[in-house]
N, C-alpha and C. Protein backbone atom coordinates (compact mmCIF):
# COMPACT_ATOMS: atom_id res chain seq x y z
N MET A 1 -3.05 -28.08 38.04
CA MET A 1 -2.12 -27.47 37.52
C MET A 1 -1.05 -27.71 37.13
N GLU A 2 -0.96 -28.85 37.44
CA GLU A 2 0.63 -29.74 35.94
C GLU A 2 -0.21 -30.22 35.25
N PHE A 3 -1.21 -30.13 34.49
CA PHE A 3 -2.12 -30.54 33.44
C PHE A 3 -1.38 -29.30 32.12
N PHE A 4 -1.55 -27.79 32.95
CA PHE A 4 -1.09 -26.89 32.27
C PHE A 4 0.04 -26.62 31.80
N LYS A 5 0.92 -26.90 32.83
CA LYS A 5 2.38 -26.91 32.73
C LYS A 5 2.78 -28.20 31.94
N GLU A 6 2.31 -28.91 31.83
CA GLU A 6 3.24 -29.85 30.39
C GLU A 6 2.22 -30.18 29.47
N TYR A 7 0.72 -29.44 29.28
CA TYR A 7 0.23 -29.59 27.81
C TYR A 7 -0.70 -27.84 27.42
N TRP A 8 0.16 -26.85 27.76
CA TRP A 8 0.02 -25.86 27.50
C TRP A 8 -0.27 -25.46 25.96
N TRP A 9 0.89 -26.27 25.40
CA TRP A 9 0.89 -26.21 23.68
C TRP A 9 -0.49 -26.72 23.23
N ILE A 10 -1.18 -27.39 23.62
CA ILE A 10 -2.71 -27.86 23.49
C ILE A 10 -3.80 -26.50 23.54
N LEU A 11 -3.49 -26.09 24.72
CA LEU A 11 -4.27 -24.55 24.43
C LEU A 11 -3.85 -23.75 23.30
N VAL A 12 -2.54 -23.42 23.28
CA VAL A 12 -2.10 -22.68 21.95
C VAL A 12 -2.80 -23.25 20.62
N ILE A 13 -2.32 -24.75 20.78
CA ILE A 13 -3.25 -24.90 19.39
C ILE A 13 -4.35 -24.68 18.95
N LEU A 14 -5.57 -24.55 20.11
CA LEU A 14 -7.14 -24.56 20.78
C LEU A 14 -7.54 -23.03 20.14
N LEU A 15 -6.46 -22.36 20.87
CA LEU A 15 -6.65 -20.88 20.73
C LEU A 15 -6.35 -20.64 18.66
N MET A 16 -5.47 -21.18 18.44
CA MET A 16 -5.16 -20.66 16.96
C MET A 16 -5.98 -21.48 15.92
N VAL A 17 -6.35 -22.23 16.39
CA VAL A 17 -7.72 -23.16 15.67
C VAL A 17 -9.00 -21.78 15.54
N GLY A 18 -9.12 -21.60 17.13
CA GLY A 18 -10.71 -20.62 17.01
C GLY A 18 -10.18 -19.13 16.25
N ILE A 19 -9.04 -18.88 16.10
CA ILE A 19 -8.78 -17.56 15.49
C ILE A 19 -9.08 -18.14 14.43
N LEU A 20 -8.23 -19.10 13.15
CA LEU A 20 -8.42 -19.54 11.94
C LEU A 20 -10.06 -19.14 11.82
N MET A 21 -10.78 -20.26 12.42
CA MET A 21 -12.10 -20.44 12.17
C MET A 21 -12.60 -19.12 12.37
N ASN A 22 -12.66 -18.03 13.37
CA ASN A 22 -13.21 -16.80 13.15
C ASN A 22 -13.15 -15.72 11.66
N VAL A 23 -11.53 -16.28 11.30
CA VAL A 23 -11.50 -15.19 10.27
C VAL A 23 -11.42 -16.01 8.93
N TYR A 24 -12.03 -17.45 8.81
CA TYR A 24 -12.62 -18.22 8.12
C TYR A 24 -13.93 -17.42 7.66
N LYS A 25 -14.61 -17.69 8.69
CA LYS A 25 -15.87 -17.07 8.79
C LYS A 25 -16.24 -15.82 8.56
N ASP A 26 -15.30 -14.85 8.83
CA ASP A 26 -15.30 -13.50 8.46
C ASP A 26 -15.51 -12.70 6.67
N LEU A 27 -14.42 -14.15 6.65
CA LEU A 27 -13.97 -13.57 5.24
C LEU A 27 -15.08 -14.58 3.81
N LYS A 28 -15.89 -15.53 4.66
CA LYS A 28 -17.27 -15.88 3.80
C LYS A 28 -18.05 -14.94 3.90
N ARG A 29 -18.48 -14.16 4.58
CA ARG A 29 -19.30 -12.95 4.58
C ARG A 29 -18.86 -12.07 3.82
N ILE A 30 -17.89 -11.38 3.34
CA ILE A 30 -17.60 -10.69 2.25
C ILE A 30 -18.21 -11.00 0.48
N ASP A 31 -18.53 -10.11 0.27
CA ASP A 31 -18.75 -10.41 -1.11
C ASP A 31 -18.16 -9.27 -2.10
N HIS A 32 -17.71 -10.40 -2.42
CA HIS A 32 -16.08 -9.81 -3.26
C HIS A 32 -17.03 -8.82 -4.71
N LYS A 33 -17.82 -10.22 -5.08
CA LYS A 33 -18.25 -9.28 -6.59
C LYS A 33 -19.13 -7.94 -6.58
N LYS A 34 -19.79 -7.84 -5.70
CA LYS A 34 -20.56 -6.64 -5.11
C LYS A 34 -19.47 -5.33 -5.11
N PHE A 35 -17.95 -5.58 -4.47
CA PHE A 35 -17.11 -4.76 -4.05
C PHE A 35 -16.25 -4.62 -5.54
N MET A 36 -16.25 -5.58 -5.88
CA MET A 36 -15.84 -5.19 -7.79
C MET A 36 -16.43 -4.44 -8.55
N ASP A 37 -18.04 -4.43 -8.25
CA ASP A 37 -18.85 -3.93 -9.30
C ASP A 37 -18.96 -2.46 -8.67
N ASN A 38 -18.82 -1.79 -7.17
CA ASN A 38 -18.54 -0.56 -6.71
C ASN A 38 -17.61 0.12 -6.42
N LYS A 39 -16.68 -0.78 -6.79
CA LYS A 39 -15.03 0.06 -6.63
C LYS A 39 -15.29 1.51 -6.54
N PRO A 40 -14.36 1.75 -5.65
CA PRO A 40 -14.00 3.56 -5.67
C PRO A 40 -12.79 3.38 -7.29
N THR A 41 -12.95 4.50 -7.64
CA THR A 41 -11.71 4.83 -8.55
C THR A 41 -10.72 5.57 -7.03
N LEU A 42 -9.45 4.72 -7.89
CA LEU A 42 -8.73 5.10 -7.10
C LEU A 42 -7.49 6.09 -8.12
N PRO A 43 -6.86 7.58 -7.14
CA PRO A 43 -6.15 8.50 -8.10
C PRO A 43 -5.03 8.26 -8.38
N PRO A 44 -4.41 8.79 -9.17
CA PRO A 44 -2.98 8.25 -10.09
C PRO A 44 -2.09 8.43 -8.57
N HIS A 45 -1.20 7.89 -9.39
CA HIS A 45 -0.22 7.19 -8.01
C HIS A 45 1.05 8.28 -8.54
N ARG A 46 1.65 8.86 -7.83
CA ARG A 46 2.82 10.16 -7.88
C ARG A 46 4.08 9.71 -6.96
N ASP A 47 4.90 9.38 -7.91
CA ASP A 47 6.21 9.24 -6.77
C ASP A 47 7.11 10.00 -7.11
N PHE A 48 6.93 11.57 -8.32
CA PHE A 48 8.16 11.95 -8.18
C PHE A 48 9.12 11.44 -9.34
N ASN A 49 9.02 10.34 -10.18
CA ASN A 49 10.37 9.94 -10.47
C ASN A 49 9.92 10.16 -12.07
N ASP A 50 8.89 11.37 -11.94
CA ASP A 50 9.07 12.04 -13.39
C ASP A 50 9.73 13.16 -13.86
N LYS A 51 10.61 13.51 -12.68
CA LYS A 51 11.66 14.47 -12.31
C LYS A 51 13.04 13.95 -12.76
N TRP A 52 13.01 12.36 -12.26
CA TRP A 52 14.02 12.00 -12.87
C TRP A 52 14.57 11.52 -14.43
N ASP A 53 13.24 11.15 -14.73
CA ASP A 53 13.27 10.57 -16.18
C ASP A 53 13.89 11.16 -17.13
N ASP A 54 13.90 12.52 -17.15
CA ASP A 54 14.47 13.97 -17.47
C ASP A 54 16.09 13.50 -17.93
N GLU A 55 16.36 13.31 -16.79
CA GLU A 55 18.17 13.28 -16.70
C GLU A 55 18.94 12.18 -17.44
N ASP A 56 19.41 12.20 -18.15
CA ASP A 56 20.07 10.67 -19.14
C ASP A 56 21.41 11.12 -19.00
N ASP A 57 21.33 9.57 -17.73
CA ASP A 57 23.01 9.39 -17.87
C ASP A 57 23.81 8.40 -18.39
N TRP A 58 22.92 7.70 -18.96
CA TRP A 58 23.65 6.53 -19.93
C TRP A 58 23.79 7.44 -20.82
N PRO A 59 25.46 6.92 -21.12
CA PRO A 59 26.41 7.45 -22.67
C PRO A 59 25.56 7.57 -23.88
N LYS A 60 25.36 8.45 -24.54
CA LYS A 60 25.23 8.57 -25.89
C LYS A 60 25.61 7.68 -26.68
N LYS A 61 24.69 7.33 -27.83
CA LYS A 61 24.96 6.13 -28.83
C LYS A 61 25.45 7.32 -29.94
N LYS A 62 26.36 6.49 -30.49
CA LYS A 62 27.17 7.28 -31.98
C LYS A 62 26.69 7.12 -33.10
């Protein structure tokens, strides 16, 4: 148990390395070219700013 008390940070580093290796392996399996070819179309984004565009708060130029 003394080893774990003094060197707990090594276990944390090993855990982080293992997580990063799994993420890397999972990302390698993704075929981005196939996804881009079959990418679904997204609906247009609506943020309701079109209502504010009609209001002109700037002073009129003469």
